Each structure stands twice: as structure tokens, then as C-alpha cells.
């Protein structure tokens, strides 16, 4: 990796870890990759997923807006969803799901994010993942669940969706 990219990646990770949204934006505009797994085995998106302060959640939103892949895997096979579920960061978990995070990906030990949430007794995250996976309300396009459809259609306001039998949409509002 070229030294400039390595430095940007390191600075971005530090800014995310410290919860500094302005610095995060600066490094992203300079070309830092939000999902480049660095020398420490994690990407900035992993770091942001594991802390749920207001500033860290803003950092996560920004990383996702700049194209961070919510399914980026660490050398241990952990995705940002695994990290959020493991640490009980339910708001971050919602953000990652909204932005295409796959709750079915297993880490290198065979655990899904939901299984990690249950193991760590992060009930809110476990419940959120269960409800997300059980919500399969069809849309007109490509038979995607409404929750995922908002990502693919650039529709971000899920409050306009009709009520369904599933409670996942009510968790988001």
C-alpha cells in the first residue's frame, strides 16, 4: 500500500476511534477508504460500528455515505454488523442494516451477528436482528423486503411505508 494511503487510513481510523466527525469528513474528502482493512485488522467502519456515542454514530453515517461496505470482513471474518451486535450498539446495527448489512454472514468461527448478540446477552440487538430477518414484506420491485428496498431505491424515509404485520419498521421510527 502506498505510504499516503496508509497514513490516510491510519488518520481516518484514529478520527473514528476518537469520535471526531469533522476530521473523519476531512480524511474521507482527501480519499481515505472507509472500509480498507488496515494493519490492525479492522477498517474505520468496524471501529465506528463498535461505539455508540452520538459522535461515533455520526462518523458511521458519514462512512456509509462515502461508500463504506457494511459487509467488510476483518481477518477474523467479522463484519461491522458482528461488531455492533457484539458490543450492543443497536442504533449502529440499524444503520448498517439499512445500508445493506447482511445479518447472515458468519465469522471465521461460524457465528452470525445475531448469534454473537445472543451470546453476549445484547437482547436489543438480538431482537432487532431476529425481527429484521423475519420481515419479508414484498415490494413491487425485485421482491426485496421494504426495509432493503429503501436502500436500492434511494428512498430513505421508511415512515411512508404502509403498516405491516412486522414490527421492524416501527423500531426504525
Protein backbone atom coordinates (compact mmCIF):
# COMPACT_ATOMS: atom_id res chain seq x y z
CA UNK A 1 0.00 0.00 0.00
CA UNK A 2 1.33 3.44 -0.84
CA UNK A 3 2.50 5.47 2.18
CA UNK A 4 -0.03 8.29 1.61
CA UNK A 5 -2.94 5.81 1.58
CA UNK A 6 -1.58 4.09 4.68
CA UNK A 7 -1.30 7.42 6.51
CA UNK A 8 -4.83 8.47 5.47
CA UNK A 9 -6.21 5.11 6.61
CA UNK A 10 -4.45 5.44 9.93
CA UNK A 11 -5.66 9.03 10.43
CA UNK A 12 -9.22 8.07 9.48
CA UNK A 13 -9.23 5.18 11.96
CA UNK A 14 -7.88 7.43 14.71
CA UNK A 15 -10.52 10.10 13.98
CA UNK A 16 -13.29 7.47 14.05
CA UNK A 17 -11.94 5.92 17.23
CA UNK A 18 -11.79 9.36 18.87
CA UNK A 19 -15.30 10.26 17.64
CA UNK A 20 -14.26 13.27 15.56
CA UNK A 21 -16.78 13.66 12.70
CA UNK A 22 -15.12 16.76 11.22
CA UNK A 23 -11.77 15.01 10.95
CA UNK A 24 -13.48 11.92 9.52
CA UNK A 25 -15.06 14.04 6.81
CA UNK A 26 -11.75 15.73 6.05
CA UNK A 27 -9.93 12.41 5.60
CA UNK A 28 -12.76 10.98 3.50
CA UNK A 29 -12.70 14.00 1.18
CA UNK A 30 -8.94 13.50 0.86
CA UNK A 31 -9.55 9.98 -0.42
CA UNK A 32 -9.31 7.76 2.67
CA UNK A 33 -11.07 4.44 2.15
CA UNK A 34 -13.78 3.86 4.78
CA UNK A 35 -13.61 0.08 4.52
CA UNK A 36 -9.93 -0.59 3.90
CA UNK A 37 -8.81 -3.15 6.47
CA UNK A 38 -5.59 -1.78 7.90
CA UNK A 39 -2.59 -3.22 9.64
CA UNK A 40 -4.54 -3.68 12.89
CA UNK A 41 -7.07 -5.94 11.19
CA UNK A 42 -10.03 -3.57 11.17
CA UNK A 43 -11.40 -0.85 8.94
CA UNK A 44 -12.76 2.51 10.04
CA UNK A 45 -16.28 1.17 9.51
CA UNK A 46 -15.59 -1.60 12.08
CA UNK A 47 -14.38 0.95 14.62
CA UNK A 48 -17.41 3.19 14.11
CA UNK A 49 -19.82 0.25 14.43
CA UNK A 50 -18.50 -0.67 17.87
CA UNK A 51 -19.05 2.67 19.62
CA UNK A 52 -22.47 4.21 20.03
CA UNK A 53 -21.88 7.75 21.17
CA UNK A 54 -23.63 10.50 19.22
CA UNK A 55 -20.38 11.48 17.53
CA UNK A 56 -19.42 7.91 16.65
CA UNK A 57 -22.83 7.29 15.14
CA UNK A 58 -22.35 10.44 13.05
CA UNK A 59 -18.98 9.06 11.97
CA UNK A 60 -20.62 5.77 10.96
CA UNK A 61 -23.29 7.60 8.93
CA UNK A 62 -20.58 9.58 7.18
CA UNK A 63 -18.53 6.47 6.39
CA UNK A 64 -21.61 4.82 4.90
CA UNK A 65 -22.40 7.94 2.87
CA UNK A 66 -18.87 7.76 1.46
CA UNK A 67 -19.43 4.19 0.36
CA UNK A 68 -18.27 2.07 3.28
CA UNK A 69 -19.27 -1.55 2.77
CA UNK A 70 -21.26 -2.75 5.80
CA UNK A 71 -20.15 -6.28 4.93
CA UNK A 72 -16.39 -5.59 5.02
CA UNK A 73 -14.69 -8.50 6.75
CA UNK A 74 -11.79 -8.39 9.19
CA UNK A 75 -9.18 -11.18 9.12
CA UNK A 76 -11.38 -12.92 11.74
CA UNK A 77 -14.34 -12.72 9.37
CA UNK A 78 -16.12 -10.09 11.45
CA UNK A 79 -18.30 -7.56 9.66
CA UNK A 80 -19.38 -4.22 11.14
CA UNK A 81 -22.71 -5.94 11.93
CA UNK A 82 -20.85 -8.51 14.04
CA UNK A 83 -19.09 -5.69 15.89
CA UNK A 84 -22.28 -3.70 16.54
CA UNK A 85 -24.12 -6.83 17.72
CA UNK A 86 -21.20 -7.92 19.91
CA UNK A 87 -20.97 -4.55 21.66
CA UNK A 88 -24.72 -3.93 21.91
CA UNK A 89 -24.79 -0.94 19.56
CA UNK A 90 -28.38 -1.22 18.35
CA UNK A 91 -28.56 2.20 16.62
CA UNK A 92 -25.43 1.40 14.65
CA UNK A 93 -26.83 -2.02 13.86
CA UNK A 94 -29.95 -0.38 12.38
CA UNK A 95 -27.81 1.95 10.27
CA UNK A 96 -25.78 -0.94 8.95
CA UNK A 97 -28.88 -2.98 8.11
CA UNK A 98 -30.47 0.00 6.35
CA UNK A 99 -27.32 0.34 4.28
CA UNK A 100 -27.19 -3.26 3.12
CA UNK A 101 -25.54 -5.09 6.01
CA UNK A 102 -26.06 -8.84 5.70
CA UNK A 103 -27.05 -10.46 9.02
CA UNK A 104 -26.43 -13.95 7.62
CA UNK A 105 -22.66 -13.62 7.15
CA UNK A 106 -20.76 -15.92 9.51
CA UNK A 107 -17.41 -15.05 11.04
CA UNK A 108 -14.47 -17.48 10.93
CA UNK A 109 -15.88 -19.31 13.95
CA UNK A 110 -19.26 -19.79 12.27
CA UNK A 111 -21.20 -17.11 14.19
CA UNK A 112 -23.71 -14.70 12.69
CA UNK A 113 -24.20 -11.24 14.21
CA UNK A 114 -27.41 -12.49 15.83
CA UNK A 115 -25.62 -15.39 17.49
CA UNK A 116 -22.95 -13.05 18.86
CA UNK A 117 -25.63 -10.71 20.22
CA UNK A 118 -27.31 -13.64 21.97
CA UNK A 119 -24.01 -14.96 23.37
CA UNK A 120 -23.21 -11.53 24.81
CA UNK A 121 -26.80 -11.11 26.05
CA UNK A 122 -27.31 -7.99 23.96
CA UNK A 123 -31.03 -8.61 23.84
CA UNK A 124 -32.00 -5.46 21.95
CA UNK A 125 -29.56 -6.26 19.14
CA UNK A 126 -30.59 -9.93 19.06
CA UNK A 127 -34.27 -8.96 18.87
CA UNK A 128 -33.58 -6.37 16.17
CA UNK A 129 -31.75 -8.91 14.02
CA UNK A 130 -34.49 -11.53 14.52
CA UNK A 131 -37.19 -9.05 13.53
CA UNK A 132 -35.19 -7.85 10.54
CA UNK A 133 -34.73 -11.40 9.30
CA UNK A 134 -38.38 -12.27 9.80
CA UNK A 135 -39.59 -9.17 7.95
CA UNK A 136 -40.17 -10.18 4.37
CA UNK A 137 -42.87 -7.83 3.16
CA UNK A 138 -42.65 -7.83 -0.63
CA UNK A 139 -42.30 -4.71 -2.72
CA UNK A 140 -43.19 -4.23 -6.33
CA UNK A 141 -39.55 -4.26 -7.47
CA UNK A 142 -37.45 -7.41 -7.40
CA UNK A 143 -39.29 -8.90 -4.41
CA UNK A 144 -36.97 -7.12 -1.96
CA UNK A 145 -38.22 -6.57 1.58
CA UNK A 146 -39.34 -2.96 2.07
CA UNK A 147 -36.52 -2.36 4.50
CA UNK A 148 -33.89 -3.29 1.91
CA UNK A 149 -35.83 -1.67 -0.91
CA UNK A 150 -35.30 1.77 0.61
CA UNK A 151 -31.56 1.32 0.14
CA UNK A 152 -31.79 0.32 -3.50
CA UNK A 153 -34.34 2.95 -4.45
CA UNK A 154 -32.66 5.88 -2.69
CA UNK A 155 -35.80 6.14 -0.58
CA UNK A 156 -34.68 6.82 2.95
CA UNK A 157 -37.92 7.79 4.65
CA UNK A 158 -39.41 4.49 5.74
CA UNK A 159 -42.27 6.25 7.55
CA UNK A 160 -44.18 6.40 4.26
CA UNK A 161 -44.43 2.62 4.07
CA UNK A 162 -47.81 1.13 4.90
CA UNK A 163 -48.12 -0.64 8.23
CA UNK A 164 -47.32 -4.32 8.11
CA UNK A 165 -47.63 -7.30 10.40
CA UNK A 166 -43.95 -6.93 11.25
CA UNK A 167 -42.72 -4.64 13.97
CA UNK A 168 -39.29 -3.99 12.47
CA UNK A 169 -40.41 -0.84 10.68
CA UNK A 170 -41.73 0.58 13.95
CA UNK A 171 -38.32 0.07 15.56
CA UNK A 172 -36.76 2.34 12.94
CA UNK A 173 -39.09 5.28 13.54
